[in-house]
């Protein structure tokens, strides 16, 4: 999963994702070259944003602290910053 996601980074260390909050289960999928993240958390009080970062961190096998929401806090399309060491 890490290799496929890193190949579609929007720019070095930035990943654009489409988010579906309130889903039945948490999952990360790559569909037609785009990363789709589904989270069970509701889109209220930032719960879905926190869940997106946690799910992506687990999928990329990175610590949660290495991911940051750069843009799209209230949008379905989000830009995530990834600390690449």
C-alpha atoms as a PDB file:
ATOM      1  CA  UNK A   1       0.000   0.000   0.000  1.00  0.00           C
ATOM      2  CA  UNK A   2       2.815   2.405   0.854  1.00  0.00           C
ATOM      3  CA  UNK A   3       4.448   2.155  -2.566  1.00  0.00           C
ATOM      4  CA  UNK A   4       1.221   2.732  -4.492  1.00  0.00           C
ATOM      5  CA  UNK A   5       0.241   5.715  -2.353  1.00  0.00           C
ATOM      6  CA  UNK A   6       3.672   7.304  -2.565  1.00  0.00           C
ATOM      7  CA  UNK A   7       3.584   7.062  -6.359  1.00  0.00           C
ATOM      8  CA  UNK A   8       0.481   9.260  -6.477  1.00  0.00           C
ATOM      9  CA  UNK A   9       1.659  11.982  -4.144  1.00  0.00           C
ATOM     10  CA  UNK A  10       0.415  15.386  -5.346  1.00  0.00           C
ATOM     11  CA  UNK A  11       3.882  16.803  -4.626  1.00  0.00           C
ATOM     12  CA  UNK A  12       6.766  15.524  -2.516  1.00  0.00           C
ATOM     13  CA  UNK A  13       5.286  14.825   0.901  1.00  0.00           C
ATOM     14  CA  UNK A  14       1.689  15.729  -0.050  1.00  0.00           C
ATOM     15  CA  UNK A  15      -1.156  13.328  -0.701  1.00  0.00           C
ATOM     16  CA  UNK A  16      -4.605  14.321  -1.960  1.00  0.00           C
ATOM     17  CA  UNK A  17      -7.417  12.102  -0.693  1.00  0.00           C
ATOM     18  CA  UNK A  18     -11.185  11.918  -1.129  1.00  0.00           C
ATOM     19  CA  UNK A  19     -12.921  11.261   2.186  1.00  0.00           C
ATOM     20  CA  UNK A  20     -16.248   9.588   2.958  1.00  0.00           C
ATOM     21  CA  UNK A  21     -17.204  10.109   6.619  1.00  0.00           C
ATOM     22  CA  UNK A  22     -19.850   8.006   8.368  1.00  0.00           C
ATOM     23  CA  UNK A  23     -18.937   4.863   6.423  1.00  0.00           C
ATOM     24  CA  UNK A  24     -19.629   1.323   7.650  1.00  0.00           C
ATOM     25  CA  UNK A  25     -15.913   0.636   8.137  1.00  0.00           C
ATOM     26  CA  UNK A  26     -12.546   2.358   7.958  1.00  0.00           C
ATOM     27  CA  UNK A  27     -10.626   1.677   4.766  1.00  0.00           C
ATOM     28  CA  UNK A  28      -8.167   3.147   2.301  1.00  0.00           C
ATOM     29  CA  UNK A  29      -8.521   2.312  -1.387  1.00  0.00           C
ATOM     30  CA  UNK A  30      -6.775   3.425  -4.533  1.00  0.00           C
ATOM     31  CA  UNK A  31      -9.276   3.736  -7.366  1.00  0.00           C
ATOM     32  CA  UNK A  32      -8.213   4.943 -10.797  1.00  0.00           C
ATOM     33  CA  UNK A  33      -5.103   6.604  -9.411  1.00  0.00           C
ATOM     34  CA  UNK A  34      -6.900   8.418  -6.577  1.00  0.00           C
ATOM     35  CA  UNK A  35      -6.765   7.655  -2.862  1.00  0.00           C
ATOM     36  CA  UNK A  36     -10.165   7.181  -1.253  1.00  0.00           C
ATOM     37  CA  UNK A  37     -10.455   7.067   2.527  1.00  0.00           C
ATOM     38  CA  UNK A  38     -13.630   5.917   4.265  1.00  0.00           C
ATOM     39  CA  UNK A  39     -14.004   6.422   7.997  1.00  0.00           C
ATOM     40  CA  UNK A  40     -16.749   5.513  10.444  1.00  0.00           C
ATOM     41  CA  UNK A  41     -16.370   8.796  12.327  1.00  0.00           C
ATOM     42  CA  UNK A  42     -19.056  11.438  11.725  1.00  0.00           C
ATOM     43  CA  UNK A  43     -18.150  14.729  10.035  1.00  0.00           C
ATOM     44  CA  UNK A  44     -18.564  16.735  13.247  1.00  0.00           C
ATOM     45  CA  UNK A  45     -16.084  18.508  15.523  1.00  0.00           C
ATOM     46  CA  UNK A  46     -13.105  17.307  13.457  1.00  0.00           C
ATOM     47  CA  UNK A  47     -13.723  13.648  14.334  1.00  0.00           C
ATOM     48  CA  UNK A  48     -13.599  12.535  10.693  1.00  0.00           C
ATOM     49  CA  UNK A  49     -10.396  14.490  10.052  1.00  0.00           C
ATOM     50  CA  UNK A  50      -8.684  12.853  13.023  1.00  0.00           C
ATOM     51  CA  UNK A  51      -9.904   9.440  11.870  1.00  0.00           C
ATOM     52  CA  UNK A  52      -8.633  10.053   8.322  1.00  0.00           C
ATOM     53  CA  UNK A  53      -5.147  10.824   9.607  1.00  0.00           C
ATOM     54  CA  UNK A  54      -5.165   7.764  11.880  1.00  0.00           C
ATOM     55  CA  UNK A  55      -6.394   5.413   9.140  1.00  0.00           C
ATOM     56  CA  UNK A  56      -3.880   6.760   6.614  1.00  0.00           C
ATOM     57  CA  UNK A  57      -1.045   6.491   9.123  1.00  0.00           C
ATOM     58  CA  UNK A  58      -1.911   2.840   9.753  1.00  0.00           C
ATOM     59  CA  UNK A  59      -2.212   2.100   6.015  1.00  0.00           C
ATOM     60  CA  UNK A  60       1.132   3.757   5.284  1.00  0.00           C
ATOM     61  CA  UNK A  61       2.770   2.145   8.333  1.00  0.00           C
ATOM     62  CA  UNK A  62       3.779   5.559   9.661  1.00  0.00           C
ATOM     63  CA  UNK A  63       3.309   7.135  13.082  1.00  0.00           C
ATOM     64  CA  UNK A  64       0.265   9.426  13.271  1.00  0.00           C
ATOM     65  CA  UNK A  65       2.521  12.375  14.105  1.00  0.00           C
ATOM     66  CA  UNK A  66       4.027  12.192  10.586  1.00  0.00           C
ATOM     67  CA  UNK A  67       0.704  13.200   8.960  1.00  0.00           C
ATOM     68  CA  UNK A  68      -0.814  16.676   8.941  1.00  0.00           C
ATOM     69  CA  UNK A  69      -4.022  18.038   7.445  1.00  0.00           C
ATOM     70  CA  UNK A  70      -2.842  20.863   5.168  1.00  0.00           C
ATOM     71  CA  UNK A  71      -6.067  21.767   3.374  1.00  0.00           C
ATOM     72  CA  UNK A  72      -9.717  20.739   3.271  1.00  0.00           C
ATOM     73  CA  UNK A  73     -10.770  20.561   6.911  1.00  0.00           C
ATOM     74  CA  UNK A  74     -14.433  20.977   5.902  1.00  0.00           C
ATOM     75  CA  UNK A  75     -14.215  19.444   2.423  1.00  0.00           C
ATOM     76  CA  UNK A  76     -14.321  15.925   1.012  1.00  0.00           C
ATOM     77  CA  UNK A  77     -11.060  16.458  -0.884  1.00  0.00           C
ATOM     78  CA  UNK A  78      -8.212  16.918   1.572  1.00  0.00           C
ATOM     79  CA  UNK A  79      -4.508  17.544   1.191  1.00  0.00           C
ATOM     80  CA  UNK A  80      -2.416  15.598   3.682  1.00  0.00           C
ATOM     81  CA  UNK A  81       1.199  16.431   4.467  1.00  0.00           C
ATOM     82  CA  UNK A  82       3.472  13.432   5.026  1.00  0.00           C
ATOM     83  CA  UNK A  83       6.838  13.784   6.732  1.00  0.00           C
ATOM     84  CA  UNK A  84       9.191  11.729   4.576  1.00  0.00           C
ATOM     85  CA  UNK A  85      12.478  11.005   6.316  1.00  0.00           C
END
